[in-house]
């Protein structure tokens, strides 16, 4: 297990809390993140004050983003996460998901275009349908209709992929609100990671 140290929540958010106690569950969750991406997300540092919430959100992140048996590709899941985060104006998540797309080999300019206005980015028809669907789920989930799912199905997304798309969108609506509602700062590590991807 990686040795971890965390900042006071008050140093990286609006909460007036010290550093969370590093219980075994907290240490395990944070170590897994360091091993995966090389640093601890500020959101995790803050949420560590509620270990059950930390472990639940970490497990849900794994399920929605990294399930190897998923119907959606990792790129498609990160695309949805970025579209949702951009719509919610969550700076920490936008920067983190641009970095995640770069880590998957995406062109830097393309990832930034997606964040600014995905409609102007070079998306495949399937990616565009997933982005449109995620945006509608984010803006007005009570307005989603069967035809919205049909539009995504028409691009070859299977039923399990629809379930995954909604789960990714819903999860990042949660994390965006945690970040924005608590003033959690952007991780500089995310901003600086995986630079230099250009079209090949």
N, C-alpha and C. Protein backbone atom coordinates (compact mmCIF):
# COMPACT_ATOMS: atom_id res chain seq x y z
N UNK A 1 0.84 -1.18 0.00
CA UNK A 1 0.00 0.00 0.00
C UNK A 1 0.89 1.25 0.00
N UNK A 2 0.53 2.19 -0.85
CA UNK A 2 1.28 3.45 -0.96
C UNK A 2 1.12 4.28 0.31
N UNK A 3 2.21 4.88 0.76
CA UNK A 3 2.14 5.78 1.90
C UNK A 3 1.47 7.08 1.43
N UNK A 4 0.46 7.53 2.16
CA UNK A 4 -0.27 8.73 1.74
C UNK A 4 -0.26 9.78 2.84
N UNK A 5 -0.28 11.01 2.42
CA UNK A 5 -0.46 12.15 3.31
C UNK A 5 -1.46 13.07 2.63
N UNK A 6 -2.31 13.70 3.45
CA UNK A 6 -3.32 14.58 2.86
C UNK A 6 -3.31 15.95 3.51
N UNK A 7 -3.80 16.91 2.75
CA UNK A 7 -3.87 18.29 3.22
C UNK A 7 -5.10 18.48 4.11
N UNK A 8 -5.10 19.57 4.82
CA UNK A 8 -6.30 19.98 5.54
C UNK A 8 -7.38 20.33 4.52
N UNK A 9 -8.61 19.96 4.82
CA UNK A 9 -9.71 20.32 3.92
C UNK A 9 -9.80 21.82 3.75
N UNK A 10 -9.46 22.56 4.80
CA UNK A 10 -9.54 24.03 4.74
C UNK A 10 -8.51 24.63 3.78
N UNK A 11 -7.48 23.88 3.42
CA UNK A 11 -6.48 24.38 2.47
C UNK A 11 -6.91 24.22 1.01
N UNK A 12 -7.87 23.34 0.76
CA UNK A 12 -8.25 23.04 -0.63
C UNK A 12 -9.75 23.15 -0.88
N UNK A 13 -10.50 23.65 0.10
CA UNK A 13 -11.95 23.81 -0.05
C UNK A 13 -12.44 24.89 0.89
N UNK A 14 -13.73 25.12 0.87
CA UNK A 14 -14.33 26.11 1.77
C UNK A 14 -14.66 25.55 3.14
N UNK A 15 -14.51 24.24 3.33
CA UNK A 15 -14.78 23.64 4.63
C UNK A 15 -13.69 24.02 5.63
N UNK A 16 -14.08 24.26 6.84
CA UNK A 16 -13.13 24.63 7.89
C UNK A 16 -12.79 23.38 8.70
N UNK A 17 -12.14 22.46 8.03
CA UNK A 17 -11.79 21.18 8.65
C UNK A 17 -10.29 20.93 8.49
N UNK A 18 -9.70 20.24 9.47
CA UNK A 18 -8.28 19.86 9.34
C UNK A 18 -8.16 18.66 8.39
N UNK A 19 -6.98 18.11 8.30
CA UNK A 19 -6.80 16.88 7.53
C UNK A 19 -7.61 15.76 8.18
N UNK A 20 -8.23 14.94 7.37
CA UNK A 20 -9.02 13.82 7.89
C UNK A 20 -8.11 12.77 8.51
N UNK A 21 -8.58 12.07 9.53
CA UNK A 21 -7.80 10.96 10.08
C UNK A 21 -7.58 9.88 9.02
N UNK A 22 -6.38 9.35 8.98
CA UNK A 22 -6.07 8.31 7.99
C UNK A 22 -6.39 6.94 8.58
N UNK A 23 -7.68 6.62 8.62
CA UNK A 23 -8.11 5.31 9.06
C UNK A 23 -7.67 4.27 8.02
N UNK A 24 -7.69 2.99 8.35
CA UNK A 24 -7.31 1.99 7.35
C UNK A 24 -8.14 2.07 6.06
N UNK A 25 -9.45 2.31 6.18
CA UNK A 25 -10.29 2.40 4.99
C UNK A 25 -9.93 3.62 4.14
N UNK A 26 -9.67 4.75 4.80
CA UNK A 26 -9.28 5.96 4.08
C UNK A 26 -7.93 5.75 3.40
N UNK A 27 -6.99 5.21 4.15
CA UNK A 27 -5.65 4.98 3.60
C UNK A 27 -5.72 4.05 2.38
N UNK A 28 -6.54 3.01 2.45
CA UNK A 28 -6.66 2.07 1.34
C UNK A 28 -7.25 2.75 0.10
N UNK A 29 -8.31 3.53 0.30
CA UNK A 29 -8.94 4.21 -0.84
C UNK A 29 -7.99 5.21 -1.49
N UNK A 30 -7.29 5.97 -0.67
CA UNK A 30 -6.38 6.98 -1.21
C UNK A 30 -5.16 6.34 -1.87
N UNK A 31 -4.67 5.26 -1.29
CA UNK A 31 -3.54 4.54 -1.89
C UNK A 31 -3.90 4.01 -3.27
N UNK A 32 -5.12 3.50 -3.40
CA UNK A 32 -5.56 2.98 -4.69
C UNK A 32 -5.58 4.09 -5.75
N UNK A 33 -5.98 5.28 -5.34
CA UNK A 33 -6.00 6.40 -6.28
C UNK A 33 -4.58 6.79 -6.69
N UNK A 34 -3.68 6.86 -5.72
CA UNK A 34 -2.29 7.20 -6.04
C UNK A 34 -1.71 6.18 -7.00
N UNK A 35 -1.98 4.91 -6.76
CA UNK A 35 -1.47 3.86 -7.64
C UNK A 35 -2.07 3.96 -9.04
N UNK A 36 -3.31 4.44 -9.13
CA UNK A 36 -4.00 4.53 -10.41
C UNK A 36 -3.59 5.77 -11.21
N UNK A 37 -3.61 6.95 -10.56
CA UNK A 37 -3.38 8.19 -11.31
C UNK A 37 -2.17 8.99 -10.84
N UNK A 38 -1.53 8.57 -9.74
CA UNK A 38 -0.30 9.23 -9.30
C UNK A 38 -0.45 10.31 -8.26
N UNK A 39 -1.66 10.64 -7.90
CA UNK A 39 -1.90 11.67 -6.89
C UNK A 39 -3.28 11.45 -6.26
N UNK A 40 -3.57 12.19 -5.20
CA UNK A 40 -4.86 12.11 -4.53
C UNK A 40 -5.72 13.28 -5.01
N UNK A 41 -6.92 12.97 -5.45
CA UNK A 41 -7.85 14.03 -5.86
C UNK A 41 -8.23 14.86 -4.63
N UNK A 42 -8.32 16.16 -4.82
CA UNK A 42 -8.71 17.02 -3.70
C UNK A 42 -10.10 16.64 -3.15
N UNK A 43 -10.99 16.23 -4.04
CA UNK A 43 -12.31 15.82 -3.56
C UNK A 43 -12.20 14.67 -2.56
N UNK A 44 -11.32 13.73 -2.83
CA UNK A 44 -11.15 12.60 -1.92
C UNK A 44 -10.59 13.06 -0.58
N UNK A 45 -9.68 14.02 -0.62
CA UNK A 45 -9.10 14.56 0.60
C UNK A 45 -10.19 15.16 1.49
N UNK A 46 -11.11 15.87 0.86
CA UNK A 46 -12.21 16.49 1.61
C UNK A 46 -13.21 15.44 2.09
N UNK A 47 -13.61 14.55 1.19
CA UNK A 47 -14.62 13.55 1.51
C UNK A 47 -14.10 12.53 2.53
N UNK A 48 -12.80 12.44 2.69
CA UNK A 48 -12.21 11.49 3.65
C UNK A 48 -12.70 11.73 5.08
N UNK A 49 -13.29 12.88 5.34
CA UNK A 49 -13.88 13.12 6.66
C UNK A 49 -15.11 12.24 6.89
N UNK A 50 -15.63 11.65 5.85
CA UNK A 50 -16.71 10.67 5.94
C UNK A 50 -16.25 9.41 5.21
N UNK A 51 -15.51 8.53 5.90
CA UNK A 51 -14.91 7.37 5.23
C UNK A 51 -15.90 6.52 4.43
N UNK A 52 -17.12 6.37 4.92
CA UNK A 52 -18.09 5.56 4.18
C UNK A 52 -18.42 6.21 2.84
N UNK A 53 -18.51 7.53 2.81
CA UNK A 53 -18.76 8.25 1.57
C UNK A 53 -17.56 8.14 0.63
N UNK A 54 -16.36 8.24 1.19
CA UNK A 54 -15.15 8.10 0.38
C UNK A 54 -15.09 6.73 -0.28
N UNK A 55 -15.28 5.67 0.49
CA UNK A 55 -15.18 4.34 -0.09
C UNK A 55 -16.33 4.05 -1.06
N UNK A 56 -17.51 4.60 -0.77
CA UNK A 56 -18.65 4.39 -1.68
C UNK A 56 -18.43 5.10 -3.01
N UNK A 57 -17.96 6.35 -2.97
CA UNK A 57 -17.75 7.07 -4.22
C UNK A 57 -16.57 6.48 -5.00
N UNK A 58 -15.56 6.00 -4.29
CA UNK A 58 -14.43 5.36 -4.99
C UNK A 58 -14.89 4.09 -5.70
N UNK A 59 -15.72 3.30 -5.00
CA UNK A 59 -16.23 2.07 -5.62
C UNK A 59 -17.14 2.38 -6.80
N UNK A 60 -17.96 3.40 -6.66
CA UNK A 60 -18.85 3.76 -7.75
C UNK A 60 -18.07 4.30 -8.95
N UNK A 61 -17.02 5.08 -8.68
CA UNK A 61 -16.17 5.56 -9.77
C UNK A 61 -15.57 4.39 -10.54
N UNK A 62 -15.08 3.40 -9.83
CA UNK A 62 -14.53 2.21 -10.49
C UNK A 62 -15.58 1.52 -11.34
N UNK A 63 -16.79 1.39 -10.79
CA UNK A 63 -17.87 0.69 -11.50
C UNK A 63 -18.29 1.42 -12.76
N UNK A 64 -18.42 2.74 -12.69
CA UNK A 64 -18.94 3.46 -13.85
C UNK A 64 -17.87 3.81 -14.87
N UNK A 65 -16.63 3.94 -14.43
CA UNK A 65 -15.57 4.37 -15.36
C UNK A 65 -14.66 3.26 -15.84
N UNK A 66 -14.41 2.27 -15.01
CA UNK A 66 -13.34 1.33 -15.35
C UNK A 66 -13.76 -0.13 -15.40
N UNK A 67 -15.04 -0.42 -15.46
CA UNK A 67 -15.49 -1.80 -15.56
C UNK A 67 -14.98 -2.39 -16.88
N UNK A 68 -14.10 -3.40 -16.81
CA UNK A 68 -13.52 -3.93 -18.06
C UNK A 68 -14.54 -4.65 -18.93
N UNK A 69 -15.68 -4.99 -18.38
CA UNK A 69 -16.70 -5.68 -19.16
C UNK A 69 -17.78 -4.72 -19.67
N UNK A 70 -17.54 -3.43 -19.53
CA UNK A 70 -18.52 -2.44 -19.95
C UNK A 70 -18.76 -2.43 -21.45
N UNK A 71 -19.96 -2.01 -21.83
CA UNK A 71 -20.31 -1.90 -23.24
C UNK A 71 -19.74 -0.65 -23.88
N UNK A 72 -19.49 0.38 -23.06
CA UNK A 72 -18.90 1.61 -23.56
C UNK A 72 -17.39 1.57 -23.37
N UNK A 73 -16.68 2.19 -24.29
CA UNK A 73 -15.22 2.26 -24.15
C UNK A 73 -14.86 3.23 -23.03
N UNK A 74 -13.61 3.16 -22.57
CA UNK A 74 -13.14 4.11 -21.57
C UNK A 74 -13.23 5.53 -22.12
N UNK A 75 -12.89 5.71 -23.36
CA UNK A 75 -12.97 7.05 -23.99
C UNK A 75 -14.41 7.56 -23.97
N UNK A 76 -15.36 6.69 -24.30
CA UNK A 76 -16.77 7.12 -24.31
C UNK A 76 -17.24 7.51 -22.91
N UNK A 77 -16.81 6.75 -21.91
CA UNK A 77 -17.20 7.07 -20.54
C UNK A 77 -16.59 8.39 -20.09
N UNK A 78 -15.32 8.60 -20.42
CA UNK A 78 -14.68 9.87 -20.06
C UNK A 78 -15.28 11.04 -20.84
N UNK A 79 -15.68 10.80 -22.07
CA UNK A 79 -16.37 11.82 -22.86
C UNK A 79 -17.65 12.26 -22.15
N UNK A 80 -18.44 11.30 -21.71
CA UNK A 80 -19.68 11.61 -20.98
C UNK A 80 -19.35 12.40 -19.71
N UNK A 81 -18.36 11.94 -18.97
CA UNK A 81 -17.97 12.63 -17.74
C UNK A 81 -17.58 14.07 -18.02
N UNK A 82 -16.86 14.29 -19.12
CA UNK A 82 -16.42 15.65 -19.46
C UNK A 82 -17.59 16.51 -19.91
N UNK A 83 -18.48 15.98 -20.72
CA UNK A 83 -19.64 16.75 -21.18
C UNK A 83 -20.50 17.17 -19.98
N UNK A 84 -20.74 16.25 -19.07
CA UNK A 84 -21.54 16.56 -17.88
C UNK A 84 -20.84 17.62 -17.03
N UNK A 85 -19.55 17.43 -16.80
CA UNK A 85 -18.80 18.35 -15.95
C UNK A 85 -18.71 19.74 -16.57
N UNK A 86 -18.58 19.81 -17.90
CA UNK A 86 -18.55 21.10 -18.58
C UNK A 86 -19.91 21.80 -18.46
N UNK A 87 -20.97 21.05 -18.63
CA UNK A 87 -22.31 21.64 -18.49
C UNK A 87 -22.52 22.19 -17.08
N UNK A 88 -22.00 21.48 -16.09
CA UNK A 88 -22.15 21.91 -14.70
C UNK A 88 -21.11 22.93 -14.28
N UNK A 89 -20.20 23.30 -15.18
CA UNK A 89 -19.14 24.28 -14.90
C UNK A 89 -18.30 23.88 -13.69
N UNK A 90 -18.02 22.60 -13.58
CA UNK A 90 -17.19 22.11 -12.47
C UNK A 90 -15.73 22.12 -12.92
N UNK A 91 -15.00 23.15 -12.53
CA UNK A 91 -13.63 23.31 -13.02
C UNK A 91 -12.73 22.14 -12.65
N UNK A 92 -12.84 21.63 -11.43
CA UNK A 92 -11.99 20.52 -11.01
C UNK A 92 -12.23 19.28 -11.87
N UNK A 93 -13.50 18.98 -12.14
CA UNK A 93 -13.80 17.80 -12.93
C UNK A 93 -13.49 17.99 -14.41
N UNK A 94 -13.72 19.18 -14.93
CA UNK A 94 -13.40 19.43 -16.34
C UNK A 94 -11.91 19.19 -16.57
N UNK A 95 -11.08 19.76 -15.73
CA UNK A 95 -9.63 19.59 -15.90
C UNK A 95 -9.23 18.13 -15.71
N UNK A 96 -9.82 17.46 -14.72
CA UNK A 96 -9.49 16.05 -14.48
C UNK A 96 -9.89 15.16 -15.66
N UNK A 97 -11.04 15.43 -16.28
CA UNK A 97 -11.49 14.56 -17.37
C UNK A 97 -10.79 14.89 -18.69
N UNK A 98 -10.38 16.12 -18.87
CA UNK A 98 -9.51 16.41 -20.02
C UNK A 98 -8.21 15.62 -19.85
N UNK A 99 -7.66 15.62 -18.64
CA UNK A 99 -6.43 14.86 -18.38
C UNK A 99 -6.65 13.37 -18.60
N UNK A 100 -7.80 12.86 -18.15
CA UNK A 100 -8.08 11.43 -18.33
C UNK A 100 -8.17 11.07 -19.82
N UNK A 101 -8.79 11.94 -20.60
CA UNK A 101 -8.85 11.69 -22.04
C UNK A 101 -7.46 11.74 -22.67
N UNK A 102 -6.63 12.70 -22.21
CA UNK A 102 -5.25 12.73 -22.70
C UNK A 102 -4.53 11.43 -22.35
N UNK A 103 -4.77 10.93 -21.13
CA UNK A 103 -4.13 9.68 -20.71
C UNK A 103 -4.55 8.51 -21.59
N UNK A 104 -5.74 8.59 -22.15
CA UNK A 104 -6.22 7.54 -23.06
C UNK A 104 -5.75 7.76 -24.50
N UNK A 105 -4.95 8.82 -24.71
CA UNK A 105 -4.39 9.07 -26.02
C UNK A 105 -5.12 10.11 -26.85
N UNK A 106 -6.12 10.77 -26.26
CA UNK A 106 -6.87 11.78 -27.01
C UNK A 106 -5.99 13.00 -27.28
N UNK A 107 -6.21 13.59 -28.43
CA UNK A 107 -5.54 14.83 -28.79
C UNK A 107 -5.93 15.93 -27.81
N UNK A 108 -4.96 16.70 -27.36
CA UNK A 108 -5.22 17.77 -26.38
C UNK A 108 -6.25 18.77 -26.88
N UNK A 109 -6.09 19.22 -28.10
CA UNK A 109 -7.02 20.21 -28.64
C UNK A 109 -8.44 19.65 -28.69
N UNK A 110 -8.56 18.41 -29.15
CA UNK A 110 -9.88 17.77 -29.22
C UNK A 110 -10.53 17.73 -27.84
N UNK A 111 -9.78 17.30 -26.82
CA UNK A 111 -10.34 17.20 -25.47
C UNK A 111 -10.78 18.57 -24.96
N UNK A 112 -10.01 19.59 -25.26
CA UNK A 112 -10.39 20.94 -24.82
C UNK A 112 -11.60 21.46 -25.60
N UNK A 113 -11.69 21.10 -26.88
CA UNK A 113 -12.88 21.48 -27.65
C UNK A 113 -14.13 20.82 -27.08
N UNK A 114 -14.02 19.57 -26.69
CA UNK A 114 -15.15 18.88 -26.08
C UNK A 114 -15.61 19.64 -24.84
N UNK A 115 -14.66 20.07 -24.04
CA UNK A 115 -14.99 20.78 -22.80
C UNK A 115 -15.66 22.12 -23.08
N UNK A 116 -15.23 22.80 -24.11
CA UNK A 116 -15.79 24.12 -24.41
C UNK A 116 -17.13 24.00 -25.12
N UNK A 117 -17.19 23.15 -26.14
CA UNK A 117 -18.44 22.96 -26.89
C UNK A 117 -18.30 21.68 -27.70
N UNK A 118 -18.80 20.58 -27.15
CA UNK A 118 -18.61 19.29 -27.82
C UNK A 118 -19.23 19.25 -29.20
N UNK A 119 -20.19 20.11 -29.48
CA UNK A 119 -20.83 20.11 -30.80
C UNK A 119 -19.87 20.56 -31.91
N UNK A 120 -18.80 21.26 -31.52
CA UNK A 120 -17.81 21.73 -32.50
C UNK A 120 -16.62 20.79 -32.61
N UNK A 121 -16.56 19.78 -31.73
CA UNK A 121 -15.44 18.83 -31.75
C UNK A 121 -15.73 17.71 -32.76
N UNK A 122 -14.69 17.09 -33.24
CA UNK A 122 -14.83 15.99 -34.20
C UNK A 122 -15.21 14.71 -33.47
N UNK A 123 -16.49 14.53 -33.26
CA UNK A 123 -17.00 13.32 -32.60
C UNK A 123 -17.55 12.36 -33.64
N UNK A 124 -17.47 11.07 -33.34
CA UNK A 124 -18.15 10.08 -34.16
C UNK A 124 -19.65 10.23 -33.92
N UNK A 125 -20.50 9.69 -34.80
CA UNK A 125 -21.94 9.75 -34.55
C UNK A 125 -22.32 9.12 -33.20
N UNK A 126 -21.65 8.03 -32.85
CA UNK A 126 -21.93 7.38 -31.56
C UNK A 126 -21.54 8.30 -30.40
N UNK A 127 -20.36 8.90 -30.47
CA UNK A 127 -19.93 9.82 -29.41
C UNK A 127 -20.88 11.00 -29.30
N UNK A 128 -21.30 11.53 -30.43
CA UNK A 128 -22.22 12.69 -30.42
C UNK A 128 -23.55 12.30 -29.77
N UNK A 129 -24.06 11.13 -30.10
CA UNK A 129 -25.33 10.68 -29.51
C UNK A 129 -25.20 10.49 -28.00
N UNK A 130 -24.09 9.91 -27.56
CA UNK A 130 -23.87 9.73 -26.12
C UNK A 130 -23.75 11.09 -25.42
N UNK A 131 -23.05 12.02 -26.04
CA UNK A 131 -22.89 13.36 -25.46
C UNK A 131 -24.24 14.07 -25.37
N UNK A 132 -25.03 14.00 -26.43
CA UNK A 132 -26.35 14.64 -26.42
C UNK A 132 -27.24 14.04 -25.33
N UNK A 133 -27.20 12.73 -25.21
CA UNK A 133 -28.00 12.04 -24.20
C UNK A 133 -27.55 12.43 -22.79
N UNK A 134 -26.25 12.42 -22.56
CA UNK A 134 -25.73 12.79 -21.23
C UNK A 134 -26.10 14.23 -20.89
N UNK A 135 -26.06 15.11 -21.89
CA UNK A 135 -26.43 16.50 -21.64
C UNK A 135 -27.90 16.61 -21.24
N UNK A 136 -28.76 15.88 -21.91
CA UNK A 136 -30.18 15.94 -21.58
C UNK A 136 -30.44 15.37 -20.18
N UNK A 137 -29.77 14.27 -19.85
CA UNK A 137 -29.91 13.69 -18.51
C UNK A 137 -29.47 14.71 -17.45
N UNK A 138 -28.45 15.49 -17.77
CA UNK A 138 -27.93 16.48 -16.83
C UNK A 138 -28.84 17.70 -16.72
N UNK A 139 -29.30 18.19 -17.85
CA UNK A 139 -30.10 19.42 -17.85
C UNK A 139 -31.54 19.18 -17.38
N UNK A 140 -32.14 18.10 -17.83
CA UNK A 140 -33.56 17.88 -17.56
C UNK A 140 -33.89 16.41 -17.64
N UNK A 141 -33.46 15.65 -16.63
CA UNK A 141 -33.67 14.20 -16.66
C UNK A 141 -35.15 13.84 -16.74
N UNK A 142 -36.00 14.69 -16.17
CA UNK A 142 -37.44 14.39 -16.24
C UNK A 142 -38.01 14.61 -17.63
N UNK A 143 -37.22 15.17 -18.54
CA UNK A 143 -37.66 15.35 -19.92
C UNK A 143 -37.16 14.29 -20.87
N UNK A 144 -36.38 13.33 -20.37
CA UNK A 144 -35.89 12.25 -21.22
C UNK A 144 -37.07 11.37 -21.64
N UNK A 145 -37.09 11.03 -22.93
CA UNK A 145 -38.18 10.23 -23.49
C UNK A 145 -37.60 9.02 -24.21
N UNK A 146 -38.45 8.02 -24.54
CA UNK A 146 -37.95 6.83 -25.24
C UNK A 146 -37.17 7.17 -26.52
N UNK A 147 -37.56 8.21 -27.21
CA UNK A 147 -36.87 8.58 -28.44
C UNK A 147 -35.42 9.00 -28.21
N UNK A 148 -35.15 9.52 -27.02
CA UNK A 148 -33.77 9.89 -26.71
C UNK A 148 -32.89 8.65 -26.65
N UNK A 149 -33.41 7.58 -26.08
CA UNK A 149 -32.67 6.33 -26.04
C UNK A 149 -32.54 5.73 -27.43
N UNK A 150 -33.62 5.85 -28.23
CA UNK A 150 -33.57 5.32 -29.60
C UNK A 150 -32.48 5.99 -30.42
N UNK A 151 -32.28 7.28 -30.22
CA UNK A 151 -31.24 8.00 -30.97
C UNK A 151 -29.86 7.45 -30.65
N UNK A 152 -29.64 7.04 -29.42
CA UNK A 152 -28.35 6.46 -29.04
C UNK A 152 -28.26 5.03 -29.56
N UNK A 153 -29.34 4.28 -29.44
CA UNK A 153 -29.36 2.90 -29.97
C UNK A 153 -29.01 2.88 -31.46
N UNK A 154 -29.49 3.87 -32.17
CA UNK A 154 -29.29 3.91 -33.63
C UNK A 154 -27.83 3.99 -34.02
N UNK A 155 -26.96 4.37 -33.08
CA UNK A 155 -25.52 4.45 -33.38
C UNK A 155 -24.78 3.18 -32.96
N UNK A 156 -25.55 2.16 -32.52
CA UNK A 156 -24.93 0.89 -32.17
C UNK A 156 -24.68 0.67 -30.69
N UNK A 157 -25.14 1.57 -29.86
CA UNK A 157 -24.96 1.39 -28.42
C UNK A 157 -25.99 0.37 -27.93
N UNK A 158 -25.53 -0.72 -27.28
CA UNK A 158 -26.46 -1.73 -26.78
C UNK A 158 -27.18 -1.26 -25.51
N UNK A 159 -28.14 -2.03 -25.06
CA UNK A 159 -28.94 -1.67 -23.88
C UNK A 159 -28.05 -1.46 -22.64
N UNK A 160 -27.06 -2.33 -22.47
CA UNK A 160 -26.15 -2.17 -21.33
C UNK A 160 -25.39 -0.85 -21.42
N UNK A 161 -25.08 -0.43 -22.64
CA UNK A 161 -24.40 0.84 -22.83
C UNK A 161 -25.26 2.03 -22.43
N UNK A 162 -26.57 1.92 -22.67
CA UNK A 162 -27.47 2.98 -22.22
C UNK A 162 -27.47 3.08 -20.70
N UNK A 163 -27.50 1.93 -20.05
CA UNK A 163 -27.44 1.91 -18.58
C UNK A 163 -26.14 2.55 -18.10
N UNK A 164 -25.04 2.19 -18.74
CA UNK A 164 -23.74 2.76 -18.35
C UNK A 164 -23.70 4.26 -18.59
N UNK A 165 -24.25 4.72 -19.70
CA UNK A 165 -24.23 6.15 -20.01
C UNK A 165 -24.96 6.95 -18.94
N UNK A 166 -26.13 6.48 -18.54
CA UNK A 166 -26.88 7.17 -17.49
C UNK A 166 -26.13 7.12 -16.17
N UNK A 167 -25.52 5.98 -15.86
CA UNK A 167 -24.78 5.85 -14.60
C UNK A 167 -23.60 6.81 -14.56
N UNK A 168 -22.87 6.93 -15.66
CA UNK A 168 -21.73 7.86 -15.71
C UNK A 168 -22.24 9.30 -15.54
N UNK A 169 -23.27 9.65 -16.27
CA UNK A 169 -23.82 11.01 -16.16
C UNK A 169 -24.30 11.29 -14.74
N UNK A 170 -25.01 10.37 -14.16
CA UNK A 170 -25.54 10.57 -12.80
C UNK A 170 -24.41 10.69 -11.79
N UNK A 171 -23.40 9.84 -11.90
CA UNK A 171 -22.29 9.89 -10.95
C UNK A 171 -21.56 11.22 -11.02
N UNK A 172 -21.33 11.72 -12.21
CA UNK A 172 -20.58 12.98 -12.30
C UNK A 172 -21.44 14.19 -11.99
N UNK A 173 -22.74 14.07 -12.08
CA UNK A 173 -23.58 15.13 -11.52
C UNK A 173 -23.41 15.18 -10.01
N UNK A 174 -23.24 14.03 -9.36
CA UNK A 174 -22.96 14.00 -7.92
C UNK A 174 -21.59 14.62 -7.62
N UNK A 175 -20.55 14.16 -8.29
CA UNK A 175 -19.21 14.65 -7.95
C UNK A 175 -19.04 16.12 -8.30
N UNK A 176 -19.67 16.57 -9.39
CA UNK A 176 -19.61 18.00 -9.74
C UNK A 176 -20.20 18.84 -8.63
N UNK A 177 -21.28 18.39 -8.05
CA UNK A 177 -21.94 19.16 -7.00
C UNK A 177 -21.15 19.11 -5.70
N UNK A 178 -20.49 18.01 -5.42
CA UNK A 178 -19.60 17.98 -4.26
C UNK A 178 -18.48 19.01 -4.43
N UNK A 179 -17.85 19.02 -5.60
CA UNK A 179 -16.76 19.97 -5.85
C UNK A 179 -17.24 21.41 -5.81
N UNK A 180 -18.29 21.70 -6.55
CA UNK A 180 -18.75 23.09 -6.66
C UNK A 180 -19.38 23.59 -5.37
N UNK A 181 -20.16 22.74 -4.72
CA UNK A 181 -20.84 23.14 -3.50
C UNK A 181 -19.92 23.36 -2.32
N UNK A 182 -18.73 22.75 -2.35
CA UNK A 182 -17.76 22.90 -1.26
C UNK A 182 -16.53 23.71 -1.66
N UNK A 183 -16.54 24.22 -2.89
CA UNK A 183 -15.40 25.03 -3.34
C UNK A 183 -14.10 24.25 -3.39
N UNK A 184 -14.17 22.98 -3.78
CA UNK A 184 -12.97 22.15 -3.84
C UNK A 184 -12.11 22.58 -5.03
N UNK A 185 -10.86 22.81 -4.76
CA UNK A 185 -9.95 23.36 -5.76
C UNK A 185 -9.51 22.32 -6.79
N UNK A 186 -9.08 22.83 -7.93
CA UNK A 186 -8.54 22.01 -9.01
C UNK A 186 -7.22 21.39 -8.57
N UNK A 187 -7.00 20.14 -8.95
CA UNK A 187 -5.70 19.50 -8.73
C UNK A 187 -4.74 19.96 -9.82
N UNK A 188 -3.66 20.61 -9.43
CA UNK A 188 -2.64 21.01 -10.41
C UNK A 188 -2.07 19.77 -11.12
N UNK A 189 -1.99 18.65 -10.41
CA UNK A 189 -1.44 17.42 -11.00
C UNK A 189 -2.25 17.00 -12.22
N UNK A 190 -3.58 17.14 -12.14
CA UNK A 190 -4.43 16.78 -13.29
C UNK A 190 -4.15 17.71 -14.46
N UNK A 191 -4.06 18.98 -14.17
CA UNK A 191 -3.82 19.96 -15.23
C UNK A 191 -2.52 19.69 -15.97
N UNK A 192 -1.50 19.24 -15.25
CA UNK A 192 -0.18 19.06 -15.84
C UNK A 192 0.07 17.67 -16.42
N UNK A 193 -0.83 16.75 -16.20
CA UNK A 193 -0.55 15.36 -16.60
C UNK A 193 -0.87 15.09 -18.07
N UNK A 194 -0.13 14.17 -18.64
CA UNK A 194 -0.36 13.61 -19.98
C UNK A 194 -0.41 14.68 -21.07
N UNK A 195 0.49 15.62 -21.01
CA UNK A 195 0.56 16.67 -22.03
C UNK A 195 1.31 16.15 -23.25
N UNK A 196 1.05 16.77 -24.38
CA UNK A 196 1.82 16.47 -25.59
C UNK A 196 1.12 15.57 -26.58
N UNK A 197 -0.17 15.23 -26.35
CA UNK A 197 -0.87 14.39 -27.32
C UNK A 197 -1.32 15.24 -28.50
N UNK A 198 -0.88 14.87 -29.67
CA UNK A 198 -1.27 15.57 -30.90
C UNK A 198 -1.76 14.53 -31.89
N UNK A 199 -2.55 14.96 -32.87
CA UNK A 199 -3.07 13.99 -33.85
C UNK A 199 -1.93 13.22 -34.50
N UNK A 200 -2.12 11.93 -34.67
CA UNK A 200 -1.09 11.10 -35.24
C UNK A 200 -1.33 10.83 -36.67
